[in-house]
Amino acid sequence: MSEGDRAPGAPVQPVLFAGVRAGVDSATLVMLAGCSDEIHCLRRLDASSDRRDLRRFERYRFLVQGLKEAILAAGSPAAVAVEGAELLASRRFHVHLLEQGALLRYSLLAAGLAVTEVPPPTVRQFATGDSWARDPVVAARLAEEFGACLFGADETIAYALAQIARCLLRPEGYDPRRRAALSGVVPPLRALGRGIV
């Protein structure tokens, strides 16, 4: 609906931008509204199960379904930026991160959301100018530059991802260094139609 189609006196809904960080046992969603740097929606999901057998797919279902429902309940965002798998971490969980990540991206695309994947070094480069920066440095820089009060590494990265989602669609609001950090990121895509899953 365009602004001209809106009923007189009806409130204007801000455009939403989402960032998602999903780990082996948890997932964090941060959503920003319009041009505001304040958090519009914050959701953290925690799950655990036996990682040695197929019961891990129940954990994936819980996390993926919970994230999708939280995103849609907060309002359909213009873009969702999802952190790519960090394969420098413990090799033991690479398969789990890749399996869950594929299910998450597929589920979000199947729901009709515009999704992009952002490699972890790109997230850090966008936030700090250093692709090897540690999470506390990322949090400090985001707090300094955007006034974000973040309480952990997952929130920090999800917040940076929400900023990235907005920057990809509204680059004029960001400095050239941040825009350059995203030069290799594919813009958000709506590759699948509704009803596929």
N, C-alpha and C. Protein backbone atom coordinates (compact mmCIF):
# COMPACT_ATOMS: atom_id res chain seq x y z
N MET A 1 0.85 -1.17 0.00
CA MET A 1 0.00 0.00 0.00
C MET A 1 0.90 1.23 0.00
N SER A 2 0.67 2.13 -0.91
CA SER A 2 1.45 3.36 -0.95
C SER A 2 0.85 4.36 0.03
N GLU A 3 1.58 5.44 0.27
CA GLU A 3 1.10 6.44 1.21
C GLU A 3 -0.22 7.02 0.74
N GLY A 4 -0.41 7.16 -0.60
CA GLY A 4 -1.64 7.68 -1.15
C GLY A 4 -2.82 6.73 -0.95
N ASP A 5 -2.57 5.44 -0.77
CA ASP A 5 -3.62 4.45 -0.56
C ASP A 5 -4.05 4.34 0.89
N ARG A 6 -3.32 4.99 1.77
CA ARG A 6 -3.58 4.89 3.19
C ARG A 6 -4.82 5.69 3.55
N ALA A 7 -5.62 5.16 4.46
CA ALA A 7 -6.82 5.87 4.93
C ALA A 7 -6.39 7.13 5.67
N PRO A 8 -7.15 8.22 5.52
CA PRO A 8 -6.80 9.46 6.23
C PRO A 8 -6.71 9.21 7.72
N GLY A 9 -5.64 9.69 8.33
CA GLY A 9 -5.44 9.55 9.77
C GLY A 9 -4.84 8.23 10.20
N ALA A 10 -4.70 7.28 9.27
CA ALA A 10 -4.10 5.98 9.62
C ALA A 10 -2.61 6.17 9.87
N PRO A 11 -2.07 5.51 10.90
CA PRO A 11 -0.64 5.69 11.19
C PRO A 11 0.23 5.09 10.09
N VAL A 12 1.35 5.76 9.85
CA VAL A 12 2.32 5.26 8.89
C VAL A 12 3.17 4.21 9.59
N GLN A 13 3.23 3.01 9.02
CA GLN A 13 4.04 1.95 9.59
C GLN A 13 5.48 2.11 9.11
N PRO A 14 6.44 2.11 10.03
CA PRO A 14 7.84 2.26 9.59
C PRO A 14 8.33 1.02 8.87
N VAL A 15 9.27 1.21 7.98
CA VAL A 15 9.91 0.10 7.30
C VAL A 15 10.80 -0.60 8.30
N LEU A 16 10.75 -1.93 8.33
CA LEU A 16 11.53 -2.71 9.30
C LEU A 16 12.71 -3.39 8.62
N PHE A 17 13.78 -3.56 9.39
CA PHE A 17 14.98 -4.24 8.93
C PHE A 17 15.40 -5.21 10.02
N ALA A 18 15.70 -6.46 9.63
CA ALA A 18 15.99 -7.51 10.61
C ALA A 18 17.41 -8.05 10.45
N GLY A 19 18.01 -8.41 11.58
CA GLY A 19 19.30 -9.08 11.61
C GLY A 19 19.17 -10.35 12.43
N VAL A 20 19.73 -11.46 11.92
CA VAL A 20 19.60 -12.76 12.59
C VAL A 20 20.98 -13.39 12.75
N ARG A 21 21.28 -13.78 13.97
CA ARG A 21 22.47 -14.59 14.25
C ARG A 21 21.99 -15.91 14.84
N ALA A 22 22.31 -16.99 14.17
CA ALA A 22 21.88 -18.31 14.64
C ALA A 22 23.10 -19.16 14.94
N GLY A 23 23.16 -19.69 16.15
CA GLY A 23 24.24 -20.58 16.55
C GLY A 23 23.73 -22.00 16.63
N VAL A 24 24.53 -22.87 17.19
CA VAL A 24 24.16 -24.28 17.29
C VAL A 24 22.97 -24.47 18.23
N ASP A 25 22.94 -23.77 19.35
CA ASP A 25 21.89 -23.96 20.35
C ASP A 25 21.03 -22.73 20.60
N SER A 26 21.24 -21.65 19.84
CA SER A 26 20.48 -20.43 20.09
C SER A 26 20.37 -19.61 18.81
N ALA A 27 19.44 -18.67 18.84
CA ALA A 27 19.27 -17.75 17.72
C ALA A 27 18.81 -16.41 18.28
N THR A 28 19.29 -15.33 17.68
CA THR A 28 18.95 -13.99 18.14
C THR A 28 18.46 -13.16 16.96
N LEU A 29 17.37 -12.45 17.18
CA LEU A 29 16.77 -11.56 16.19
C LEU A 29 16.78 -10.14 16.74
N VAL A 30 17.23 -9.19 15.93
CA VAL A 30 17.10 -7.77 16.24
C VAL A 30 16.44 -7.11 15.04
N MET A 31 15.43 -6.27 15.32
CA MET A 31 14.78 -5.52 14.25
C MET A 31 14.86 -4.03 14.55
N LEU A 32 15.14 -3.27 13.50
CA LEU A 32 15.16 -1.81 13.55
C LEU A 32 13.99 -1.28 12.74
N ALA A 33 13.45 -0.14 13.14
CA ALA A 33 12.31 0.46 12.43
C ALA A 33 12.72 1.78 11.80
N GLY A 34 12.47 1.89 10.50
CA GLY A 34 12.73 3.14 9.79
C GLY A 34 14.17 3.58 9.91
N CYS A 35 14.36 4.85 10.23
CA CYS A 35 15.71 5.43 10.34
C CYS A 35 16.24 5.38 11.77
N SER A 36 15.45 4.86 12.70
CA SER A 36 15.86 4.83 14.10
C SER A 36 16.91 3.75 14.35
N ASP A 37 17.88 4.08 15.20
CA ASP A 37 18.89 3.11 15.59
C ASP A 37 18.47 2.35 16.85
N GLU A 38 17.32 2.69 17.42
CA GLU A 38 16.81 1.99 18.59
C GLU A 38 16.24 0.64 18.17
N ILE A 39 16.38 -0.33 19.05
CA ILE A 39 15.88 -1.68 18.77
C ILE A 39 14.36 -1.68 18.81
N HIS A 40 13.74 -2.11 17.72
CA HIS A 40 12.28 -2.21 17.61
C HIS A 40 11.81 -3.55 18.19
N CYS A 41 12.59 -4.59 17.96
CA CYS A 41 12.23 -5.94 18.42
C CYS A 41 13.52 -6.69 18.72
N LEU A 42 13.56 -7.37 19.85
CA LEU A 42 14.69 -8.22 20.22
C LEU A 42 14.12 -9.54 20.71
N ARG A 43 14.61 -10.63 20.13
CA ARG A 43 14.13 -11.95 20.53
C ARG A 43 15.30 -12.91 20.54
N ARG A 44 15.42 -13.67 21.62
CA ARG A 44 16.45 -14.70 21.71
C ARG A 44 15.77 -16.02 21.99
N LEU A 45 16.15 -17.03 21.24
CA LEU A 45 15.63 -18.38 21.41
C LEU A 45 16.77 -19.30 21.81
N ASP A 46 16.52 -20.15 22.77
CA ASP A 46 17.52 -21.13 23.20
C ASP A 46 16.91 -22.52 23.11
N ALA A 47 17.72 -23.46 22.63
CA ALA A 47 17.26 -24.85 22.51
C ALA A 47 18.46 -25.76 22.70
N SER A 48 18.19 -26.93 23.19
CA SER A 48 19.27 -27.91 23.28
C SER A 48 18.68 -29.29 23.00
N SER A 49 19.50 -30.14 22.47
CA SER A 49 19.12 -31.53 22.22
C SER A 49 20.39 -32.32 22.02
N ASP A 50 20.23 -33.58 21.91
CA ASP A 50 21.38 -34.44 21.63
C ASP A 50 21.89 -34.12 20.23
N ARG A 51 23.13 -33.75 20.12
CA ARG A 51 23.69 -33.33 18.84
C ARG A 51 24.21 -34.51 18.02
N ARG A 52 24.21 -35.70 18.59
CA ARG A 52 24.85 -36.84 17.93
C ARG A 52 23.94 -37.58 16.97
N ASP A 53 22.66 -37.30 16.97
CA ASP A 53 21.78 -38.06 16.09
C ASP A 53 20.75 -37.12 15.46
N LEU A 54 19.75 -37.68 14.85
CA LEU A 54 18.78 -36.90 14.10
C LEU A 54 17.86 -36.06 14.98
N ARG A 55 17.94 -36.22 16.29
CA ARG A 55 17.13 -35.36 17.18
C ARG A 55 17.54 -33.90 17.07
N ARG A 56 18.71 -33.64 16.50
CA ARG A 56 19.15 -32.26 16.32
C ARG A 56 18.19 -31.49 15.40
N PHE A 57 17.48 -32.21 14.52
CA PHE A 57 16.55 -31.54 13.61
C PHE A 57 15.34 -30.98 14.36
N GLU A 58 15.00 -31.55 15.50
CA GLU A 58 13.95 -30.97 16.32
C GLU A 58 14.41 -29.61 16.87
N ARG A 59 15.67 -29.51 17.25
CA ARG A 59 16.23 -28.24 17.70
C ARG A 59 16.20 -27.23 16.55
N TYR A 60 16.62 -27.66 15.37
CA TYR A 60 16.59 -26.76 14.21
C TYR A 60 15.17 -26.25 13.97
N ARG A 61 14.19 -27.18 14.01
CA ARG A 61 12.81 -26.78 13.76
C ARG A 61 12.35 -25.74 14.77
N PHE A 62 12.67 -25.96 16.04
CA PHE A 62 12.29 -25.02 17.08
C PHE A 62 12.90 -23.64 16.82
N LEU A 63 14.18 -23.58 16.54
CA LEU A 63 14.86 -22.30 16.33
C LEU A 63 14.39 -21.61 15.05
N VAL A 64 14.32 -22.34 13.97
CA VAL A 64 13.93 -21.76 12.68
C VAL A 64 12.48 -21.28 12.72
N GLN A 65 11.59 -22.12 13.21
CA GLN A 65 10.17 -21.75 13.29
C GLN A 65 9.99 -20.57 14.24
N GLY A 66 10.69 -20.59 15.37
CA GLY A 66 10.59 -19.48 16.32
C GLY A 66 11.06 -18.16 15.74
N LEU A 67 12.18 -18.20 15.01
CA LEU A 67 12.67 -16.97 14.38
C LEU A 67 11.70 -16.46 13.33
N LYS A 68 11.22 -17.34 12.49
CA LYS A 68 10.29 -16.93 11.43
C LYS A 68 9.03 -16.32 12.04
N GLU A 69 8.47 -16.96 13.06
CA GLU A 69 7.27 -16.43 13.71
C GLU A 69 7.53 -15.09 14.37
N ALA A 70 8.69 -14.93 15.02
CA ALA A 70 9.02 -13.66 15.67
C ALA A 70 9.17 -12.54 14.64
N ILE A 71 9.79 -12.83 13.52
CA ILE A 71 9.96 -11.84 12.47
C ILE A 71 8.59 -11.41 11.93
N LEU A 72 7.75 -12.36 11.60
CA LEU A 72 6.45 -12.05 11.02
C LEU A 72 5.52 -11.38 12.03
N ALA A 73 5.63 -11.74 13.31
CA ALA A 73 4.80 -11.12 14.34
C ALA A 73 5.16 -9.65 14.55
N ALA A 74 6.44 -9.32 14.39
CA ALA A 74 6.89 -7.94 14.57
C ALA A 74 6.54 -7.08 13.36
N GLY A 75 6.20 -7.70 12.26
CA GLY A 75 5.89 -6.99 11.02
C GLY A 75 6.87 -7.44 9.95
N SER A 76 6.39 -7.58 8.75
CA SER A 76 7.23 -8.10 7.67
C SER A 76 8.32 -7.10 7.31
N PRO A 77 9.60 -7.44 7.54
CA PRO A 77 10.68 -6.49 7.26
C PRO A 77 10.96 -6.37 5.77
N ALA A 78 11.52 -5.23 5.39
CA ALA A 78 11.92 -5.01 4.00
C ALA A 78 13.09 -5.90 3.64
N ALA A 79 13.93 -6.22 4.63
CA ALA A 79 15.10 -7.07 4.39
C ALA A 79 15.50 -7.76 5.68
N VAL A 80 16.00 -8.99 5.52
CA VAL A 80 16.53 -9.77 6.64
C VAL A 80 17.97 -10.13 6.29
N ALA A 81 18.91 -9.71 7.13
CA ALA A 81 20.32 -10.08 6.95
C ALA A 81 20.64 -11.19 7.94
N VAL A 82 21.11 -12.32 7.41
CA VAL A 82 21.44 -13.49 8.22
C VAL A 82 22.95 -13.68 8.19
N GLU A 83 23.55 -13.90 9.35
CA GLU A 83 24.99 -14.13 9.41
C GLU A 83 25.32 -15.49 8.80
N GLY A 84 26.33 -15.50 7.94
CA GLY A 84 26.82 -16.76 7.37
C GLY A 84 27.52 -17.58 8.45
N ALA A 85 27.78 -18.82 8.15
CA ALA A 85 28.43 -19.71 9.11
C ALA A 85 29.89 -19.33 9.30
N GLU A 86 30.32 -19.28 10.54
CA GLU A 86 31.72 -19.00 10.89
C GLU A 86 32.40 -20.34 11.02
N LEU A 87 33.10 -20.76 10.00
CA LEU A 87 33.69 -22.09 10.00
C LEU A 87 35.11 -22.12 10.57
N LEU A 88 35.52 -21.04 11.20
CA LEU A 88 36.80 -21.04 11.89
C LEU A 88 36.64 -21.58 13.30
N ALA A 89 35.41 -21.67 13.75
CA ALA A 89 35.14 -22.15 15.11
C ALA A 89 35.35 -23.67 15.16
N SER A 90 34.91 -24.26 16.23
CA SER A 90 35.07 -25.70 16.43
C SER A 90 34.54 -26.50 15.25
N ARG A 91 35.38 -27.33 14.68
CA ARG A 91 34.99 -28.14 13.52
C ARG A 91 33.88 -29.12 13.86
N ARG A 92 33.75 -29.42 15.12
CA ARG A 92 32.78 -30.41 15.56
C ARG A 92 31.35 -30.03 15.15
N PHE A 93 31.07 -28.73 15.08
CA PHE A 93 29.70 -28.29 14.82
C PHE A 93 29.49 -27.68 13.44
N HIS A 94 30.46 -27.78 12.55
CA HIS A 94 30.31 -27.21 11.20
C HIS A 94 29.06 -27.73 10.50
N VAL A 95 28.87 -29.04 10.52
CA VAL A 95 27.73 -29.64 9.83
C VAL A 95 26.43 -29.09 10.42
N HIS A 96 26.37 -28.96 11.74
CA HIS A 96 25.16 -28.47 12.40
C HIS A 96 24.86 -27.04 11.98
N LEU A 97 25.88 -26.19 11.95
CA LEU A 97 25.68 -24.80 11.52
C LEU A 97 25.22 -24.72 10.08
N LEU A 98 25.79 -25.53 9.23
CA LEU A 98 25.42 -25.51 7.81
C LEU A 98 24.00 -26.06 7.60
N GLU A 99 23.66 -27.14 8.29
CA GLU A 99 22.30 -27.70 8.17
C GLU A 99 21.26 -26.69 8.64
N GLN A 100 21.47 -26.18 9.84
CA GLN A 100 20.50 -25.24 10.40
C GLN A 100 20.43 -23.97 9.57
N GLY A 101 21.58 -23.49 9.11
CA GLY A 101 21.61 -22.27 8.30
C GLY A 101 20.83 -22.42 7.01
N ALA A 102 20.97 -23.57 6.35
CA ALA A 102 20.23 -23.81 5.11
C ALA A 102 18.73 -23.84 5.38
N LEU A 103 18.32 -24.51 6.46
CA LEU A 103 16.90 -24.57 6.80
C LEU A 103 16.35 -23.18 7.13
N LEU A 104 17.14 -22.38 7.84
CA LEU A 104 16.71 -21.03 8.20
C LEU A 104 16.51 -20.18 6.96
N ARG A 105 17.49 -20.14 6.07
CA ARG A 105 17.38 -19.32 4.87
C ARG A 105 16.20 -19.77 4.00
N TYR A 106 16.07 -21.08 3.83
CA TYR A 106 14.98 -21.61 3.03
C TYR A 106 13.63 -21.22 3.63
N SER A 107 13.49 -21.36 4.93
CA SER A 107 12.23 -21.05 5.60
C SER A 107 11.87 -19.57 5.45
N LEU A 108 12.86 -18.69 5.60
CA LEU A 108 12.59 -17.25 5.48
C LEU A 108 12.22 -16.89 4.04
N LEU A 109 12.93 -17.47 3.07
CA LEU A 109 12.60 -17.22 1.67
C LEU A 109 11.22 -17.76 1.32
N ALA A 110 10.90 -18.95 1.82
CA ALA A 110 9.60 -19.55 1.55
C ALA A 110 8.46 -18.74 2.16
N ALA A 111 8.75 -17.98 3.22
CA ALA A 111 7.75 -17.11 3.84
C ALA A 111 7.60 -15.80 3.07
N GLY A 112 8.36 -15.65 1.99
CA GLY A 112 8.25 -14.45 1.16
C GLY A 112 9.09 -13.29 1.63
N LEU A 113 10.04 -13.53 2.52
CA LEU A 113 10.90 -12.46 3.03
C LEU A 113 12.10 -12.26 2.12
N ALA A 114 12.58 -11.03 2.05
CA ALA A 114 13.79 -10.71 1.29
C ALA A 114 14.98 -10.97 2.20
N VAL A 115 15.86 -11.89 1.79
CA VAL A 115 16.94 -12.38 2.64
C VAL A 115 18.28 -12.18 1.96
N THR A 116 19.29 -11.83 2.76
CA THR A 116 20.66 -11.81 2.30
C THR A 116 21.53 -12.49 3.35
N GLU A 117 22.63 -13.06 2.91
CA GLU A 117 23.58 -13.71 3.81
C GLU A 117 24.84 -12.86 3.87
N VAL A 118 25.33 -12.63 5.09
CA VAL A 118 26.49 -11.77 5.29
C VAL A 118 27.58 -12.57 5.99
N PRO A 119 28.75 -12.71 5.36
CA PRO A 119 29.85 -13.44 6.01
C PRO A 119 30.27 -12.74 7.30
N PRO A 120 30.66 -13.50 8.34
CA PRO A 120 31.07 -12.90 9.61
C PRO A 120 32.16 -11.84 9.48
N PRO A 121 33.20 -12.03 8.65
CA PRO A 121 34.20 -10.95 8.54
C PRO A 121 33.61 -9.66 7.98
N THR A 122 32.62 -9.77 7.12
CA THR A 122 31.97 -8.58 6.57
C THR A 122 31.17 -7.85 7.64
N VAL A 123 30.52 -8.60 8.53
CA VAL A 123 29.78 -7.98 9.64
C VAL A 123 30.76 -7.15 10.48
N ARG A 124 31.89 -7.74 10.82
CA ARG A 124 32.88 -7.04 11.65
C ARG A 124 33.49 -5.85 10.91
N GLN A 125 33.74 -6.00 9.62
CA GLN A 125 34.28 -4.91 8.80
C GLN A 125 33.28 -3.75 8.76
N PHE A 126 32.02 -4.05 8.58
CA PHE A 126 30.97 -3.02 8.55
C PHE A 126 30.92 -2.28 9.88
N ALA A 127 30.98 -3.02 10.98
CA ALA A 127 30.81 -2.42 12.31
C ALA A 127 32.04 -1.65 12.78
N THR A 128 33.23 -2.15 12.45
CA THR A 128 34.44 -1.57 13.05
C THR A 128 35.49 -1.09 12.06
N GLY A 129 35.42 -1.55 10.83
CA GLY A 129 36.48 -1.27 9.87
C GLY A 129 37.57 -2.33 9.90
N ASP A 130 37.44 -3.33 10.78
CA ASP A 130 38.42 -4.39 10.92
C ASP A 130 37.71 -5.75 10.84
N SER A 131 38.00 -6.51 9.80
CA SER A 131 37.30 -7.79 9.62
C SER A 131 37.69 -8.85 10.65
N TRP A 132 38.74 -8.59 11.43
CA TRP A 132 39.16 -9.53 12.48
C TRP A 132 38.81 -9.06 13.88
N ALA A 133 38.03 -7.98 14.01
CA ALA A 133 37.68 -7.43 15.32
C ALA A 133 36.91 -8.47 16.14
N ARG A 134 37.18 -8.51 17.42
CA ARG A 134 36.47 -9.40 18.34
C ARG A 134 35.13 -8.78 18.72
N ASP A 135 34.20 -9.62 19.20
CA ASP A 135 32.86 -9.16 19.53
C ASP A 135 32.82 -7.99 20.50
N PRO A 136 33.66 -7.93 21.56
CA PRO A 136 33.61 -6.77 22.45
C PRO A 136 33.96 -5.46 21.73
N VAL A 137 34.86 -5.52 20.77
CA VAL A 137 35.21 -4.33 19.99
C VAL A 137 34.03 -3.92 19.11
N VAL A 138 33.38 -4.91 18.51
CA VAL A 138 32.19 -4.64 17.69
C VAL A 138 31.11 -3.98 18.55
N ALA A 139 30.85 -4.52 19.74
CA ALA A 139 29.84 -3.96 20.64
C ALA A 139 30.18 -2.53 21.03
N ALA A 140 31.44 -2.29 21.36
CA ALA A 140 31.86 -0.94 21.76
C ALA A 140 31.67 0.06 20.62
N ARG A 141 32.03 -0.34 19.42
CA ARG A 141 31.89 0.56 18.27
C ARG A 141 30.43 0.85 17.96
N LEU A 142 29.58 -0.17 18.03
CA LEU A 142 28.15 0.03 17.77
C LEU A 142 27.53 0.93 18.83
N ALA A 143 27.94 0.75 20.08
CA ALA A 143 27.43 1.60 21.16
C ALA A 143 27.87 3.05 20.94
N GLU A 144 29.11 3.23 20.54
CA GLU A 144 29.66 4.57 20.32
C GLU A 144 28.98 5.27 19.14
N GLU A 145 28.80 4.55 18.04
CA GLU A 145 28.31 5.19 16.83
C GLU A 145 26.80 5.21 16.68
N PHE A 146 26.10 4.22 17.23
CA PHE A 146 24.65 4.15 17.07
C PHE A 146 23.90 4.28 18.40
N GLY A 147 24.62 4.33 19.51
CA GLY A 147 23.97 4.42 20.81
C GLY A 147 23.30 3.12 21.23
N ALA A 148 23.71 2.02 20.64
CA ALA A 148 23.10 0.73 20.94
C ALA A 148 23.63 0.17 22.25
N CYS A 149 22.71 -0.17 23.16
CA CYS A 149 23.08 -0.80 24.43
C CYS A 149 22.86 -2.30 24.27
N LEU A 150 23.93 -3.02 24.06
CA LEU A 150 23.85 -4.45 23.75
C LEU A 150 24.46 -5.27 24.88
N PHE A 151 23.91 -6.46 25.12
CA PHE A 151 24.29 -7.23 26.29
C PHE A 151 25.06 -8.50 26.02
N GLY A 152 25.34 -8.82 24.81
CA GLY A 152 26.09 -10.03 24.52
C GLY A 152 26.51 -10.08 23.07
N ALA A 153 27.35 -11.05 22.76
CA ALA A 153 27.89 -11.17 21.41
C ALA A 153 26.78 -11.43 20.39
N ASP A 154 25.80 -12.26 20.73
CA ASP A 154 24.75 -12.57 19.77
C ASP A 154 23.89 -11.34 19.46
N GLU A 155 23.51 -10.58 20.49
CA GLU A 155 22.76 -9.33 20.27
C GLU A 155 23.57 -8.35 19.43
N THR A 156 24.85 -8.26 19.75
CA THR A 156 25.73 -7.33 19.04
C THR A 156 25.76 -7.63 17.55
N ILE A 157 25.98 -8.87 17.20
CA ILE A 157 26.07 -9.24 15.79
C ILE A 157 24.71 -9.12 15.12
N ALA A 158 23.63 -9.51 15.79
CA ALA A 158 22.30 -9.37 15.21
C ALA A 158 21.96 -7.90 14.96
N TYR A 159 22.37 -7.02 15.87
CA TYR A 159 22.15 -5.58 15.69
C TYR A 159 22.93 -5.07 14.48
N ALA A 160 24.19 -5.49 14.37
CA ALA A 160 25.00 -5.09 13.20
C ALA A 160 24.35 -5.58 11.91
N LEU A 161 23.81 -6.80 11.93
CA LEU A 161 23.14 -7.35 10.75
C LEU A 161 21.89 -6.56 10.39
N ALA A 162 21.13 -6.11 11.38
CA ALA A 162 19.95 -5.27 11.10
C ALA A 162 20.39 -3.95 10.46
N GLN A 163 21.50 -3.38 10.95
CA GLN A 163 22.04 -2.16 10.33
C GLN A 163 22.46 -2.45 8.88
N ILE A 164 23.05 -3.61 8.65
CA ILE A 164 23.47 -4.00 7.30
C ILE A 164 22.25 -4.13 6.39
N ALA A 165 21.18 -4.75 6.87
CA ALA A 165 19.96 -4.89 6.07
C ALA A 165 19.46 -3.51 5.64
N ARG A 166 19.48 -2.57 6.57
CA ARG A 166 19.04 -1.21 6.23
C ARG A 166 20.00 -0.54 5.26
N CYS A 167 21.29 -0.70 5.49
CA CYS A 167 22.30 -0.08 4.62
C CYS A 167 22.19 -0.59 3.18
N LEU A 168 21.88 -1.87 3.02
CA LEU A 168 21.76 -2.43 1.67
C LEU A 168 20.60 -1.81 0.89
N LEU A 169 19.53 -1.43 1.60
CA LEU A 169 18.38 -0.84 0.92
C LEU A 169 18.38 0.69 0.96
N ARG A 170 19.04 1.26 1.96
CA ARG A 170 19.09 2.72 2.11
C ARG A 170 20.54 3.16 2.36
N PRO A 171 21.40 2.97 1.39
CA PRO A 171 22.83 3.26 1.60
C PRO A 171 23.14 4.73 1.87
N GLU A 172 22.27 5.62 1.45
CA GLU A 172 22.55 7.05 1.64
C GLU A 172 22.66 7.44 3.11
N GLY A 173 22.14 6.64 4.01
CA GLY A 173 22.21 6.95 5.43
C GLY A 173 23.50 6.49 6.10
N TYR A 174 24.44 5.95 5.34
CA TYR A 174 25.66 5.37 5.91
C TYR A 174 26.90 5.97 5.25
N ASP A 175 28.00 5.98 6.01
CA ASP A 175 29.23 6.55 5.47
C ASP A 175 29.85 5.64 4.41
N PRO A 176 30.72 6.18 3.57
CA PRO A 176 31.31 5.40 2.47
C PRO A 176 32.06 4.15 2.93
N ARG A 177 32.69 4.20 4.11
CA ARG A 177 33.41 3.02 4.60
C ARG A 177 32.47 1.85 4.82
N ARG A 178 31.32 2.13 5.41
CA ARG A 178 30.36 1.06 5.66
C ARG A 178 29.78 0.54 4.35
N ARG A 179 29.46 1.42 3.44
CA ARG A 179 28.93 0.97 2.15
C ARG A 179 29.96 0.12 1.42
N ALA A 180 31.22 0.52 1.48
CA ALA A 180 32.29 -0.24 0.81
C ALA A 180 32.45 -1.62 1.43
N ALA A 181 32.25 -1.73 2.74
CA ALA A 181 32.38 -3.03 3.42
C ALA A 181 31.37 -4.04 2.88
N LEU A 182 30.26 -3.55 2.33
CA LEU A 182 29.19 -4.43 1.85
C LEU A 182 29.24 -4.64 0.34
N SER A 183 30.32 -4.22 -0.30
CA SER A 183 30.38 -4.30 -1.76
C SER A 183 30.25 -5.72 -2.30
N GLY A 184 30.64 -6.72 -1.54
CA GLY A 184 30.55 -8.11 -2.00
C GLY A 184 29.30 -8.84 -1.56
N VAL A 185 28.41 -8.16 -0.84
CA VAL A 185 27.20 -8.81 -0.32
C VAL A 185 26.09 -8.70 -1.37
N VAL A 186 25.44 -9.82 -1.65
CA VAL A 186 24.32 -9.83 -2.59
C VAL A 186 23.13 -9.15 -1.93
N PRO A 187 22.49 -8.21 -2.63
CA PRO A 187 21.31 -7.54 -2.05
C PRO A 187 20.23 -8.56 -1.67
N PRO A 188 19.35 -8.19 -0.74
CA PRO A 188 18.29 -9.12 -0.32
C PRO A 188 17.46 -9.62 -1.49
N LEU A 189 17.21 -10.91 -1.50
CA LEU A 189 16.45 -11.54 -2.59
C LEU A 189 15.16 -12.15 -2.06
N ARG A 190 14.15 -12.13 -2.89
CA ARG A 190 12.90 -12.86 -2.62
C ARG A 190 12.83 -13.96 -3.67
N ALA A 191 13.65 -14.99 -3.50
CA ALA A 191 13.83 -16.00 -4.54
C ALA A 191 12.73 -17.03 -4.62
N LEU A 192 11.99 -17.21 -3.54
CA LEU A 192 10.95 -18.25 -3.52
C LEU A 192 9.59 -17.63 -3.28
N GLY A 193 8.55 -18.25 -3.80
CA GLY A 193 7.20 -17.79 -3.56
C GLY A 193 6.64 -18.37 -2.28
N ARG A 194 5.54 -17.86 -1.85
CA ARG A 194 4.87 -18.38 -0.64
C ARG A 194 4.35 -19.78 -0.89
N GLY A 195 4.25 -20.57 0.15
CA GLY A 195 3.63 -21.87 0.06
C GLY A 195 4.55 -23.00 -0.40
N ILE A 196 5.83 -22.76 -0.48
CA ILE A 196 6.74 -23.82 -0.94
C ILE A 196 6.97 -24.84 0.16
N VAL A 197 7.03 -24.40 1.41
CA VAL A 197 7.18 -25.35 2.50
C VAL A 197 5.92 -25.38 3.33
